[in-house]
Amino acid sequence: MTGRILVIKLGALGDFVMASGAFASIRAFHDTDRIVLLTRPAYAGLGRAGGWFDEVWIDRRPVWWKPAGVLTHKRRLDSGAFERVYDLQISDRTCAYYHLLRRPRPEWSGVTHTIPTLCIYN
């Protein structure tokens, strides 16, 4: 049975390119799993072209003061039924994404705060 893996990389172009080694390592380790990249629109093409991901999702950057957008994002994350998440961004935004996920949450490789209020959408 194949698992579902989420890789989050939202950063700048240079950061995205520098993460290509991590992308390749994740793909090699999870060779039979379905891997989804969550990234910004500007990097979706690079994500698809690299051959590391089965799907590329666009991060619409929901803002906390617009609950409908946050709820839509939560539903999308939950719909992925991910077993593991590689948070290569490690930001307040991705920390908030961790706290949006339904429980039990997937294994999370990255940094999360134990108090959700410390995670602020920026």
PDB file of N, CA and C in Angstrom:
ATOM      1  N   MET A   1       0.838  -1.184   0.000  1.00  0.00           N
ATOM      2  CA  MET A   1       0.000   0.000   0.000  1.00  0.00           C
ATOM      3  C   MET A   1       0.878   1.240   0.000  1.00  0.00           C
ATOM      4  N   THR A   2       0.546   2.189  -0.836  1.00  0.00           N
ATOM      5  CA  THR A   2       1.330   3.410  -0.865  1.00  0.00           C
ATOM      6  C   THR A   2       0.789   4.405   0.145  1.00  0.00           C
ATOM      7  N   GLY A   3       1.703   5.145   0.741  1.00  0.00           N
ATOM      8  CA  GLY A   3       1.335   6.180   1.682  1.00  0.00           C
ATOM      9  C   GLY A   3       1.197   7.511   0.982  1.00  0.00           C
ATOM     10  N   ARG A   4       0.753   8.492   1.738  1.00  0.00           N
ATOM     11  CA  ARG A   4       0.613   9.843   1.210  1.00  0.00           C
ATOM     12  C   ARG A   4       1.503  10.761   2.024  1.00  0.00           C
ATOM     13  N   ILE A   5       2.343  11.502   1.310  1.00  0.00           N
ATOM     14  CA  ILE A   5       3.346  12.359   1.917  1.00  0.00           C
ATOM     15  C   ILE A   5       3.127  13.783   1.422  1.00  0.00           C
ATOM     16  N   LEU A   6       3.228  14.761   2.323  1.00  0.00           N
ATOM     17  CA  LEU A   6       3.150  16.170   1.952  1.00  0.00           C
ATOM     18  C   LEU A   6       4.503  16.814   2.200  1.00  0.00           C
ATOM     19  N   VAL A   7       4.989  17.549   1.209  1.00  0.00           N
ATOM     20  CA  VAL A   7       6.212  18.332   1.341  1.00  0.00           C
ATOM     21  C   VAL A   7       5.797  19.797   1.209  1.00  0.00           C
ATOM     22  N   ILE A   8       6.200  20.611   2.177  1.00  0.00           N
ATOM     23  CA  ILE A   8       5.869  22.036   2.145  1.00  0.00           C
ATOM     24  C   ILE A   8       7.129  22.839   1.884  1.00  0.00           C
ATOM     25  N   LYS A   9       7.115  23.606   0.801  1.00  0.00           N
ATOM     26  CA  LYS A   9       8.218  24.529   0.500  1.00  0.00           C
ATOM     27  C   LYS A   9       7.614  25.758  -0.158  1.00  0.00           C
ATOM     28  N   LEU A  10       7.581  26.858   0.568  1.00  0.00           N
ATOM     29  CA  LEU A  10       6.923  28.074   0.117  1.00  0.00           C
ATOM     30  C   LEU A  10       7.903  29.186  -0.229  1.00  0.00           C
ATOM     31  N   GLY A  11       9.149  29.068   0.172  1.00  0.00           N
ATOM     32  CA  GLY A  11      10.115  30.156   0.148  1.00  0.00           C
ATOM     33  C   GLY A  11      10.513  30.693  -1.203  1.00  0.00           C
ATOM     34  N   ALA A  12      11.514  31.500  -1.179  1.00  0.00           N
ATOM     35  CA  ALA A  12      12.035  32.186  -2.356  1.00  0.00           C
ATOM     36  C   ALA A  12      12.663  31.204  -3.346  1.00  0.00           C
ATOM     37  N   LEU A  13      12.914  31.684  -4.553  1.00  0.00           N
ATOM     38  CA  LEU A  13      13.446  30.846  -5.622  1.00  0.00           C
ATOM     39  C   LEU A  13      14.743  30.146  -5.212  1.00  0.00           C
ATOM     40  N   GLY A  14      15.671  30.879  -4.641  1.00  0.00           N
ATOM     41  CA  GLY A  14      16.937  30.276  -4.219  1.00  0.00           C
ATOM     42  C   GLY A  14      16.731  29.188  -3.182  1.00  0.00           C
ATOM     43  N   ASP A  15      15.822  29.434  -2.240  1.00  0.00           N
ATOM     44  CA  ASP A  15      15.507  28.432  -1.219  1.00  0.00           C
ATOM     45  C   ASP A  15      14.887  27.187  -1.854  1.00  0.00           C
ATOM     46  N   PHE A  16      14.043  27.413  -2.843  1.00  0.00           N
ATOM     47  CA  PHE A  16      13.394  26.298  -3.527  1.00  0.00           C
ATOM     48  C   PHE A  16      14.431  25.446  -4.253  1.00  0.00           C
ATOM     49  N   VAL A  17      15.340  26.106  -4.960  1.00  0.00           N
ATOM     50  CA  VAL A  17      16.385  25.381  -5.699  1.00  0.00           C
ATOM     51  C   VAL A  17      17.296  24.634  -4.724  1.00  0.00           C
ATOM     52  N   MET A  18      17.655  25.284  -3.628  1.00  0.00           N
ATOM     53  CA  MET A  18      18.524  24.628  -2.639  1.00  0.00           C
ATOM     54  C   MET A  18      17.846  23.412  -2.001  1.00  0.00           C
ATOM     55  N   ALA A  19      16.531  23.380  -1.993  1.00  0.00           N
ATOM     56  CA  ALA A  19      15.804  22.247  -1.411  1.00  0.00           C
ATOM     57  C   ALA A  19      15.720  21.056  -2.364  1.00  0.00           C
ATOM     58  N   SER A  20      16.218  21.194  -3.576  1.00  0.00           N
ATOM     59  CA  SER A  20      16.094  20.105  -4.552  1.00  0.00           C
ATOM     60  C   SER A  20      16.770  18.817  -4.073  1.00  0.00           C
ATOM     61  N   GLY A  21      17.856  18.929  -3.336  1.00  0.00           N
ATOM     62  CA  GLY A  21      18.495  17.737  -2.776  1.00  0.00           C
ATOM     63  C   GLY A  21      17.577  17.032  -1.787  1.00  0.00           C
ATOM     64  N   ALA A  22      16.897  17.816  -0.950  1.00  0.00           N
ATOM     65  CA  ALA A  22      15.930  17.236  -0.009  1.00  0.00           C
ATOM     66  C   ALA A  22      14.765  16.607  -0.763  1.00  0.00           C
ATOM     67  N   PHE A  23      14.296  17.279  -1.824  1.00  0.00           N
ATOM     68  CA  PHE A  23      13.205  16.713  -2.631  1.00  0.00           C
ATOM     69  C   PHE A  23      13.604  15.346  -3.186  1.00  0.00           C
ATOM     70  N   ALA A  24      14.817  15.271  -3.723  1.00  0.00           N
ATOM     71  CA  ALA A  24      15.300  14.004  -4.306  1.00  0.00           C
ATOM     72  C   ALA A  24      15.422  12.921  -3.238  1.00  0.00           C
ATOM     73  N   SER A  25      15.895  13.291  -2.062  1.00  0.00           N
ATOM     74  CA  SER A  25      16.034  12.315  -0.968  1.00  0.00           C
ATOM     75  C   SER A  25      14.680  11.806  -0.499  1.00  0.00           C
ATOM     76  N   ILE A  26      13.723  12.703  -0.397  1.00  0.00           N
ATOM     77  CA  ILE A  26      12.376  12.307   0.020  1.00  0.00           C
ATOM     78  C   ILE A  26      11.775  11.362  -1.012  1.00  0.00           C
ATOM     79  N   ARG A  27      11.942  11.693  -2.289  1.00  0.00           N
ATOM     80  CA  ARG A  27      11.410  10.828  -3.356  1.00  0.00           C
ATOM     81  C   ARG A  27      12.062   9.451  -3.319  1.00  0.00           C
ATOM     82  N   ALA A  28      13.385   9.406  -3.119  1.00  0.00           N
ATOM     83  CA  ALA A  28      14.093   8.125  -3.080  1.00  0.00           C
ATOM     84  C   ALA A  28      13.636   7.277  -1.888  1.00  0.00           C
ATOM     85  N   PHE A  29      13.436   7.913  -0.745  1.00  0.00           N
ATOM     86  CA  PHE A  29      13.021   7.185   0.454  1.00  0.00           C
ATOM     87  C   PHE A  29      11.581   6.702   0.336  1.00  0.00           C
ATOM     88  N   HIS A  30      10.739   7.512  -0.272  1.00  0.00           N
ATOM     89  CA  HIS A  30       9.316   7.197  -0.409  1.00  0.00           C
ATOM     90  C   HIS A  30       8.998   6.844  -1.861  1.00  0.00           C
ATOM     91  N   ASP A  31       9.769   5.936  -2.432  1.00  0.00           N
ATOM     92  CA  ASP A  31       9.675   5.648  -3.871  1.00  0.00           C
ATOM     93  C   ASP A  31       8.321   5.105  -4.311  1.00  0.00           C
ATOM     94  N   THR A  32       7.571   4.457  -3.425  1.00  0.00           N
ATOM     95  CA  THR A  32       6.266   3.930  -3.814  1.00  0.00           C
ATOM     96  C   THR A  32       5.106   4.769  -3.278  1.00  0.00           C
ATOM     97  N   ASP A  33       5.412   5.824  -2.547  1.00  0.00           N
ATOM     98  CA  ASP A  33       4.373   6.657  -1.952  1.00  0.00           C
ATOM     99  C   ASP A  33       3.938   7.770  -2.899  1.00  0.00           C
ATOM    100  N   ARG A  34       2.781   8.302  -2.627  1.00  0.00           N
ATOM    101  CA  ARG A  34       2.251   9.446  -3.376  1.00  0.00           C
ATOM    102  C   ARG A  34       2.714  10.703  -2.644  1.00  0.00           C
ATOM    103  N   ILE A  35       3.479  11.538  -3.327  1.00  0.00           N
ATOM    104  CA  ILE A  35       4.063  12.729  -2.708  1.00  0.00           C
ATOM    105  C   ILE A  35       3.445  13.975  -3.318  1.00  0.00           C
ATOM    106  N   VAL A  36       2.964  14.859  -2.440  1.00  0.00           N
ATOM    107  CA  VAL A  36       2.335  16.113  -2.838  1.00  0.00           C
ATOM    108  C   VAL A  36       3.212  17.258  -2.355  1.00  0.00           C
ATOM    109  N   LEU A  37       3.465  18.219  -3.222  1.00  0.00           N
ATOM    110  CA  LEU A  37       4.187  19.437  -2.863  1.00  0.00           C
ATOM    111  C   LEU A  37       3.175  20.549  -2.650  1.00  0.00           C
ATOM    112  N   LEU A  38       3.289  21.263  -1.535  1.00  0.00           N
ATOM    113  CA  LEU A  38       2.512  22.479  -1.292  1.00  0.00           C
ATOM    114  C   LEU A  38       3.478  23.643  -1.442  1.00  0.00           C
ATOM    115  N   THR A  39       3.211  24.511  -2.417  1.00  0.00           N
ATOM    116  CA  THR A  39       4.132  25.606  -2.703  1.00  0.00           C
ATOM    117  C   THR A  39       3.380  26.826  -3.220  1.00  0.00           C
ATOM    118  N   ARG A  40       4.102  27.876  -3.484  1.00  0.00           N
ATOM    119  CA  ARG A  40       3.527  29.098  -4.049  1.00  0.00           C
ATOM    120  C   ARG A  40       3.353  28.934  -5.551  1.00  0.00           C
ATOM    121  N   PRO A  41       2.448  29.720  -6.140  1.00  0.00           N
ATOM    122  CA  PRO A  41       2.201  29.599  -7.584  1.00  0.00           C
ATOM    123  C   PRO A  41       3.469  29.744  -8.433  1.00  0.00           C
ATOM    124  N   ALA A  42       4.380  30.615  -8.026  1.00  0.00           N
ATOM    125  CA  ALA A  42       5.588  30.870  -8.818  1.00  0.00           C
ATOM    126  C   ALA A  42       6.486  29.641  -8.946  1.00  0.00           C
ATOM    127  N   TYR A  43       6.379  28.696  -8.016  1.00  0.00           N
ATOM    128  CA  TYR A  43       7.283  27.547  -8.001  1.00  0.00           C
ATOM    129  C   TYR A  43       6.602  26.241  -8.403  1.00  0.00           C
ATOM    130  N   ALA A  44       5.327  26.309  -8.730  1.00  0.00           N
ATOM    131  CA  ALA A  44       4.586  25.098  -9.096  1.00  0.00           C
ATOM    132  C   ALA A  44       5.193  24.422 -10.326  1.00  0.00           C
ATOM    133  N   GLY A  45       5.567  25.211 -11.312  1.00  0.00           N
ATOM    134  CA  GLY A  45       6.163  24.639 -12.526  1.00  0.00           C
ATOM    135  C   GLY A  45       7.472  23.930 -12.240  1.00  0.00           C
ATOM    136  N   LEU A  46       8.299  24.535 -11.395  1.00  0.00           N
ATOM    137  CA  LEU A  46       9.559  23.888 -11.013  1.00  0.00           C
ATOM    138  C   LEU A  46       9.287  22.585 -10.267  1.00  0.00           C
ATOM    139  N   GLY A  47       8.289  22.626  -9.397  1.00  0.00           N
ATOM    140  CA  GLY A  47       7.938  21.419  -8.650  1.00  0.00           C
ATOM    141  C   GLY A  47       7.498  20.290  -9.565  1.00  0.00           C
ATOM    142  N   ARG A  48       6.724  20.641 -10.582  1.00  0.00           N
ATOM    143  CA  ARG A  48       6.265  19.621 -11.538  1.00  0.00           C
ATOM    144  C   ARG A  48       7.415  19.125 -12.413  1.00  0.00           C
ATOM    145  N   ALA A  49       8.270  20.033 -12.832  1.00  0.00           N
ATOM    146  CA  ALA A  49       9.358  19.683 -13.758  1.00  0.00           C
ATOM    147  C   ALA A  49      10.424  18.803 -13.114  1.00  0.00           C
ATOM    148  N   GLY A  50      10.585  18.904 -11.795  1.00  0.00           N
ATOM    149  CA  GLY A  50      11.639  18.159 -11.117  1.00  0.00           C
ATOM    150  C   GLY A  50      11.433  16.653 -11.093  1.00  0.00           C
ATOM    151  N   GLY A  51      10.202  16.210 -11.238  1.00  0.00           N
ATOM    152  CA  GLY A  51       9.925  14.777 -11.227  1.00  0.00           C
ATOM    153  C   GLY A  51       9.890  14.154  -9.842  1.00  0.00           C
ATOM    154  N   TRP A  52       9.911  14.970  -8.805  1.00  0.00           N
ATOM    155  CA  TRP A  52       9.939  14.452  -7.436  1.00  0.00           C
ATOM    156  C   TRP A  52       8.546  14.254  -6.861  1.00  0.00           C
ATOM    157  N   PHE A  53       7.551  14.917  -7.451  1.00  0.00           N
ATOM    158  CA  PHE A  53       6.219  14.955  -6.853  1.00  0.00           C
ATOM    159  C   PHE A  53       5.169  14.389  -7.801  1.00  0.00           C
ATOM    160  N   ASP A  54       4.170  13.762  -7.208  1.00  0.00           N
ATOM    161  CA  ASP A  54       3.050  13.237  -7.978  1.00  0.00           C
ATOM    162  C   ASP A  54       1.981  14.299  -8.201  1.00  0.00           C
ATOM    163  N   GLU A  55       1.902  15.241  -7.280  1.00  0.00           N
ATOM    164  CA  GLU A  55       0.953  16.350  -7.382  1.00  0.00           C
ATOM    165  C   GLU A  55       1.623  17.606  -6.843  1.00  0.00           C
ATOM    166  N   VAL A  56       1.169  18.747  -7.323  1.00  0.00           N
ATOM    167  CA  VAL A  56       1.617  20.032  -6.790  1.00  0.00           C
ATOM    168  C   VAL A  56       0.374  20.829  -6.423  1.00  0.00           C
ATOM    169  N   TRP A  57       0.296  21.218  -5.170  1.00  0.00           N
ATOM    170  CA  TRP A  57      -0.807  22.044  -4.687  1.00  0.00           C
ATOM    171  C   TRP A  57      -0.298  23.463  -4.477  1.00  0.00           C
ATOM    172  N   ILE A  58      -1.140  24.418  -4.772  1.00  0.00           N
ATOM    173  CA  ILE A  58      -0.801  25.833  -4.602  1.00  0.00           C
ATOM    174  C   ILE A  58      -1.261  26.296  -3.226  1.00  0.00           C
ATOM    175  N   ASP A  59      -0.376  26.957  -2.510  1.00  0.00           N
ATOM    176  CA  ASP A  59      -0.716  27.556  -1.219  1.00  0.00           C
ATOM    177  C   ASP A  59      -1.359  28.911  -1.489  1.00  0.00           C
ATOM    178  N   ARG A  60      -2.615  29.050  -1.132  1.00  0.00           N
ATOM    179  CA  ARG A  60      -3.356  30.292  -1.359  1.00  0.00           C
ATOM    180  C   ARG A  60      -3.171  31.303  -0.228  1.00  0.00           C
ATOM    181  N   ARG A  61      -2.354  30.954   0.755  1.00  0.00           N
ATOM    182  CA  ARG A  61      -2.014  31.848   1.864  1.00  0.00           C
ATOM    183  C   ARG A  61      -3.241  32.441   2.561  1.00  0.00           C
ATOM    184  N   PRO A  62      -4.085  31.587   3.124  1.00  0.00           N
ATOM    185  CA  PRO A  62      -5.258  32.129   3.819  1.00  0.00           C
ATOM    186  C   PRO A  62      -4.839  32.997   4.999  1.00  0.00           C
ATOM    187  N   VAL A  63      -5.627  33.994   5.279  1.00  0.00           N
ATOM    188  CA  VAL A  63      -5.335  34.890   6.401  1.00  0.00           C
ATOM    189  C   VAL A  63      -6.304  34.599   7.538  1.00  0.00           C
ATOM    190  N   TRP A  64      -5.838  34.692   8.750  1.00  0.00           N
ATOM    191  CA  TRP A  64      -6.602  34.253   9.913  1.00  0.00           C
ATOM    192  C   TRP A  64      -7.889  35.040  10.104  1.00  0.00           C
ATOM    193  N   TRP A  65      -7.942  36.276   9.631  1.00  0.00           N
ATOM    194  CA  TRP A  65      -9.143  37.081   9.849  1.00  0.00           C
ATOM    195  C   TRP A  65     -10.231  36.812   8.799  1.00  0.00           C
ATOM    196  N   LYS A  66      -9.974  35.867   7.895  1.00  0.00           N
ATOM    197  CA  LYS A  66     -10.983  35.433   6.925  1.00  0.00           C
ATOM    198  C   LYS A  66     -11.206  33.928   7.114  1.00  0.00           C
ATOM    199  N   PRO A  67     -12.069  33.584   8.078  1.00  0.00           N
ATOM    200  CA  PRO A  67     -12.248  32.171   8.446  1.00  0.00           C
ATOM    201  C   PRO A  67     -12.640  31.263   7.286  1.00  0.00           C
ATOM    202  N   ALA A  68     -13.379  31.772   6.314  1.00  0.00           N
ATOM    203  CA  ALA A  68     -13.787  30.917   5.193  1.00  0.00           C
ATOM    204  C   ALA A  68     -12.565  30.394   4.438  1.00  0.00           C
ATOM    205  N   GLY A  69     -11.576  31.244   4.221  1.00  0.00           N
ATOM    206  CA  GLY A  69     -10.356  30.823   3.530  1.00  0.00           C
ATOM    207  C   GLY A  69      -9.555  29.824   4.350  1.00  0.00           C
ATOM    208  N   VAL A  70      -9.493  30.048   5.658  1.00  0.00           N
ATOM    209  CA  VAL A  70      -8.778  29.128   6.541  1.00  0.00           C
ATOM    210  C   VAL A  70      -9.483  27.771   6.551  1.00  0.00           C
ATOM    211  N   LEU A  71     -10.808  27.779   6.604  1.00  0.00           N
ATOM    212  CA  LEU A  71     -11.565  26.527   6.606  1.00  0.00           C
ATOM    213  C   LEU A  71     -11.384  25.771   5.292  1.00  0.00           C
ATOM    214  N   THR A  72     -11.373  26.478   4.182  1.00  0.00           N
ATOM    215  CA  THR A  72     -11.145  25.844   2.881  1.00  0.00           C
ATOM    216  C   THR A  72      -9.766  25.193   2.849  1.00  0.00           C
ATOM    217  N   HIS A  73      -8.767  25.898   3.371  1.00  0.00           N
ATOM    218  CA  HIS A  73      -7.403  25.350   3.399  1.00  0.00           C
ATOM    219  C   HIS A  73      -7.325  24.128   4.309  1.00  0.00           C
ATOM    220  N   LYS A  74      -7.976  24.210   5.462  1.00  0.00           N
ATOM    221  CA  LYS A  74      -8.004  23.076   6.392  1.00  0.00           C
ATOM    222  C   LYS A  74      -8.618  21.847   5.721  1.00  0.00           C
ATOM    223  N   ARG A  75      -9.729  22.048   5.038  1.00  0.00           N
ATOM    224  CA  ARG A  75     -10.386  20.927   4.365  1.00  0.00           C
ATOM    225  C   ARG A  75      -9.475  20.299   3.310  1.00  0.00           C
ATOM    226  N   ARG A  76      -8.760  21.150   2.594  1.00  0.00           N
ATOM    227  CA  ARG A  76      -7.863  20.618   1.563  1.00  0.00           C
ATOM    228  C   ARG A  76      -6.742  19.805   2.206  1.00  0.00           C
ATOM    229  N   LEU A  77      -6.127  20.353   3.253  1.00  0.00           N
ATOM    230  CA  LEU A  77      -5.066  19.611   3.939  1.00  0.00           C
ATOM    231  C   LEU A  77      -5.588  18.280   4.472  1.00  0.00           C
ATOM    232  N   ASP A  78      -6.755  18.320   5.103  1.00  0.00           N
ATOM    233  CA  ASP A  78      -7.337  17.094   5.650  1.00  0.00           C
ATOM    234  C   ASP A  78      -7.677  16.083   4.554  1.00  0.00           C
ATOM    235  N   SER A  79      -8.091  16.584   3.388  1.00  0.00           N
ATOM    236  CA  SER A  79      -8.471  15.682   2.297  1.00  0.00           C
ATOM    237  C   SER A  79      -7.281  14.879   1.772  1.00  0.00           C
ATOM    238  N   GLY A  80      -6.083  15.382   2.018  1.00  0.00           N
ATOM    239  CA  GLY A  80      -4.894  14.670   1.562  1.00  0.00           C
ATOM    240  C   GLY A  80      -4.623  13.394   2.321  1.00  0.00           C
ATOM    241  N   ALA A  81      -5.186  13.258   3.511  1.00  0.00           N
ATOM    242  CA  ALA A  81      -4.988  12.066   4.352  1.00  0.00           C
ATOM    243  C   ALA A  81      -3.505  11.696   4.422  1.00  0.00           C
ATOM    244  N   PHE A  82      -2.674  12.682   4.717  1.00  0.00           N
ATOM    245  CA  PHE A  82      -1.231  12.472   4.724  1.00  0.00           C
ATOM    246  C   PHE A  82      -0.792  11.695   5.953  1.00  0.00           C
ATOM    247  N   GLU A  83       0.175  10.808   5.738  1.00  0.00           N
ATOM    248  CA  GLU A  83       0.753  10.038   6.833  1.00  0.00           C
ATOM    249  C   GLU A  83       1.966  10.754   7.419  1.00  0.00           C
ATOM    250  N   ARG A  84       2.627  11.532   6.573  1.00  0.00           N
ATOM    251  CA  ARG A  84       3.831  12.250   7.011  1.00  0.00           C
ATOM    252  C   ARG A  84       3.898  13.568   6.267  1.00  0.00           C
ATOM    253  N   VAL A  85       4.417  14.588   6.968  1.00  0.00           N
ATOM    254  CA  VAL A  85       4.620  15.905   6.376  1.00  0.00           C
ATOM    255  C   VAL A  85       6.070  16.305   6.586  1.00  0.00           C
ATOM    256  N   TYR A  86       6.717  16.719   5.506  1.00  0.00           N
ATOM    257  CA  TYR A  86       8.051  17.295   5.581  1.00  0.00           C
ATOM    258  C   TYR A  86       7.894  18.801   5.418  1.00  0.00           C
ATOM    259  N   ASP A  87       8.016  19.513   6.514  1.00  0.00           N
ATOM    260  CA  ASP A  87       7.897  20.971   6.491  1.00  0.00           C
ATOM    261  C   ASP A  87       9.285  21.545   6.246  1.00  0.00           C
ATOM    262  N   LEU A  88       9.588  21.832   4.998  1.00  0.00           N
ATOM    263  CA  LEU A  88      10.897  22.386   4.643  1.00  0.00           C
ATOM    264  C   LEU A  88      10.902  23.907   4.727  1.00  0.00           C
ATOM    265  N   GLN A  89       9.766  24.497   5.041  1.00  0.00           N
ATOM    266  CA  GLN A  89       9.668  25.946   5.180  1.00  0.00           C
ATOM    267  C   GLN A  89       9.960  26.375   6.615  1.00  0.00           C
ATOM    268  N   ILE A  90       9.388  25.661   7.564  1.00  0.00           N
ATOM    269  CA  ILE A  90       9.532  25.914   8.999  1.00  0.00           C
ATOM    270  C   ILE A  90       9.311  27.400   9.307  1.00  0.00           C
ATOM    271  N   SER A  91       8.038  27.795   9.258  1.00  0.00           N
ATOM    272  CA  SER A  91       7.657  29.176   9.514  1.00  0.00           C
ATOM    273  C   SER A  91       6.428  29.208  10.416  1.00  0.00           C
ATOM    274  N   ASP A  92       6.060  30.396  10.856  1.00  0.00           N
ATOM    275  CA  ASP A  92       4.833  30.523  11.632  1.00  0.00           C
ATOM    276  C   ASP A  92       3.631  30.048  10.822  1.00  0.00           C
ATOM    277  N   ARG A  93       3.646  30.326   9.530  1.00  0.00           N
ATOM    278  CA  ARG A  93       2.541  29.901   8.665  1.00  0.00           C
ATOM    279  C   ARG A  93       2.415  28.382   8.651  1.00  0.00           C
ATOM    280  N   THR A  94       3.510  27.682   8.436  1.00  0.00           N
ATOM    281  CA  THR A  94       3.420  26.219   8.365  1.00  0.00           C
ATOM    282  C   THR A  94       3.152  25.614   9.740  1.00  0.00           C
ATOM    283  N   CYS A  95       3.580  26.282  10.779  1.00  0.00           N
ATOM    284  CA  CYS A  95       3.229  25.862  12.141  1.00  0.00           C
ATOM    285  C   CYS A  95       1.711  25.926  12.311  1.00  0.00           C
ATOM    286  N   ALA A  96       1.105  26.977  11.804  1.00  0.00           N
ATOM    287  CA  ALA A  96      -0.350  27.100  11.875  1.00  0.00           C
ATOM    288  C   ALA A  96      -1.016  25.997  11.061  1.00  0.00           C
ATOM    289  N   TYR A  97      -0.437  25.638   9.933  1.00  0.00           N
ATOM    290  CA  TYR A  97      -0.991  24.548   9.120  1.00  0.00           C
ATOM    291  C   TYR A  97      -0.989  23.248   9.923  1.00  0.00           C
ATOM    292  N   TYR A  98       0.060  23.017  10.691  1.00  0.00           N
ATOM    293  CA  TYR A  98       0.120  21.823  11.543  1.00  0.00           C
ATOM    294  C   TYR A  98      -1.086  21.788  12.483  1.00  0.00           C
ATOM    295  N   HIS A  99      -1.386  22.925  13.085  1.00  0.00           N
ATOM    296  CA  HIS A  99      -2.479  22.978  14.045  1.00  0.00           C
ATOM    297  C   HIS A  99      -3.852  22.926  13.374  1.00  0.00           C
ATOM    298  N   LEU A 100      -3.916  23.194  12.077  1.00  0.00           N
ATOM    299  CA  LEU A 100      -5.175  23.063  11.348  1.00  0.00           C
ATOM    300  C   LEU A 100      -5.544  21.605  11.079  1.00  0.00           C
ATOM    301  N   LEU A 101      -4.558  20.739  10.973  1.00  0.00           N
ATOM    302  CA  LEU A 101      -4.813  19.346  10.603  1.00  0.00           C
ATOM    303  C   LEU A 101      -5.649  18.626  11.645  1.00  0.00           C
ATOM    304  N   ARG A 102      -6.550  17.788  11.154  1.00  0.00           N
ATOM    305  CA  ARG A 102      -7.380  17.009  12.073  1.00  0.00           C
ATOM    306  C   ARG A 102      -6.516  15.968  12.778  1.00  0.00           C
ATOM    307  N   ARG A 103      -6.993  15.537  13.910  1.00  0.00           N
ATOM    308  CA  ARG A 103      -6.276  14.537  14.696  1.00  0.00           C
ATOM    309  C   ARG A 103      -6.781  13.155  14.361  1.00  0.00           C
ATOM    310  N   PRO A 104      -5.976  12.138  14.427  1.00  0.00           N
ATOM    311  CA  PRO A 104      -4.562  12.243  14.756  1.00  0.00           C
ATOM    312  C   PRO A 104      -3.790  12.883  13.604  1.00  0.00           C
ATOM    313  N   ARG A 105      -2.897  13.777  13.961  1.00  0.00           N
ATOM    314  CA  ARG A 105      -2.103  14.459  12.951  1.00  0.00           C
ATOM    315  C   ARG A 105      -1.062  13.510  12.372  1.00  0.00           C
ATOM    316  N   PRO A 106      -0.626  13.792  11.140  1.00  0.00           N
ATOM    317  CA  PRO A 106       0.424  12.951  10.555  1.00  0.00           C
ATOM    318  C   PRO A 106       1.757  13.197  11.254  1.00  0.00           C
ATOM    319  N   GLU A 107       2.684  12.284  11.034  1.00  0.00           N
ATOM    320  CA  GLU A 107       4.055  12.535  11.505  1.00  0.00           C
ATOM    321  C   GLU A 107       4.502  13.837  10.860  1.00  0.00           C
ATOM    322  N   TRP A 108       5.196  14.677  11.628  1.00  0.00           N
ATOM    323  CA  TRP A 108       5.578  16.007  11.141  1.00  0.00           C
ATOM    324  C   TRP A 108       7.077  16.176  11.292  1.00  0.00           C
ATOM    325  N   SER A 109       7.751  16.379  10.184  1.00  0.00           N
ATOM    326  CA  SER A 109       9.179  16.660  10.207  1.00  0.00           C
ATOM    327  C   SER A 109       9.346  18.160  10.048  1.00  0.00           C
ATOM    328  N   GLY A 110       9.657  18.819  11.128  1.00  0.00           N
ATOM    329  CA  GLY A 110       9.773  20.276  11.142  1.00  0.00           C
ATOM    330  C   GLY A 110       9.553  20.758  12.559  1.00  0.00           C
ATOM    331  N   VAL A 111       9.381  22.042  12.708  1.00  0.00           N
ATOM    332  CA  VAL A 111       9.209  22.629  14.030  1.00  0.00           C
ATOM    333  C   VAL A 111       7.765  23.090  14.182  1.00  0.00           C
ATOM    334  N   THR A 112       7.155  22.718  15.297  1.00  0.00           N
ATOM    335  CA  THR A 112       5.825  23.220  15.622  1.00  0.00           C
ATOM    336  C   THR A 112       5.856  23.714  17.058  1.00  0.00           C
ATOM    337  N   HIS A 113       5.081  24.711  17.316  1.00  0.00           N
ATOM    338  CA  HIS A 113       4.959  25.221  18.678  1.00  0.00           C
ATOM    339  C   HIS A 113       3.872  24.426  19.373  1.00  0.00           C
ATOM    340  N   THR A 114       4.016  24.239  20.669  1.00  0.00           N
ATOM    341  CA  THR A 114       3.014  23.478  21.401  1.00  0.00           C
ATOM    342  C   THR A 114       1.782  24.322  21.685  1.00  0.00           C
ATOM    343  N   ILE A 115       1.916  25.633  21.617  1.00  0.00           N
ATOM    344  CA  ILE A 115       0.784  26.519  21.862  1.00  0.00           C
ATOM    345  C   ILE A 115       0.369  27.125  20.525  1.00  0.00           C
ATOM    346  N   PRO A 116      -0.806  26.747  19.998  1.00  0.00           N
ATOM    347  CA  PRO A 116      -1.205  27.223  18.673  1.00  0.00           C
ATOM    348  C   PRO A 116      -1.240  28.734  18.552  1.00  0.00           C
ATOM    349  N   THR A 117      -1.455  29.461  19.640  1.00  0.00           N
ATOM    350  CA  THR A 117      -1.532  30.924  19.535  1.00  0.00           C
ATOM    351  C   THR A 117      -0.192  31.531  19.159  1.00  0.00           C
ATOM    352  N   LEU A 118       0.895  30.787  19.293  1.00  0.00           N
ATOM    353  CA  LEU A 118       2.203  31.309  18.878  1.00  0.00           C
ATOM    354  C   LEU A 118       2.344  31.297  17.365  1.00  0.00           C
ATOM    355  N   CYS A 119       1.493  30.540  16.690  1.00  0.00           N
ATOM    356  CA  CYS A 119       1.541  30.456  15.232  1.00  0.00           C
ATOM    357  C   CYS A 119       0.644  31.548  14.665  1.00  0.00           C
ATOM    358  N   ILE A 120       1.243  32.477  13.998  1.00  0.00           N
ATOM    359  CA  ILE A 120       0.491  33.604  13.446  1.00  0.00           C
ATOM    360  C   ILE A 120       0.644  33.591  11.939  1.00  0.00           C
ATOM    361  N   TYR A 121      -0.471  33.682  11.238  1.00  0.00           N
ATOM    362  CA  TYR A 121      -0.405  33.795   9.779  1.00  0.00           C
ATOM    363  C   TYR A 121       0.224  35.130   9.446  1.00  0.00           C
ATOM    364  N   ASN A 122       1.293  35.097   8.647  1.00  0.00           N
ATOM    365  CA  ASN A 122       1.927  36.351   8.271  1.00  0.00           C
ATOM    366  C   ASN A 122       1.755  36.610   6.802  1.00  0.00           C
TER     367      ASN A 122
END
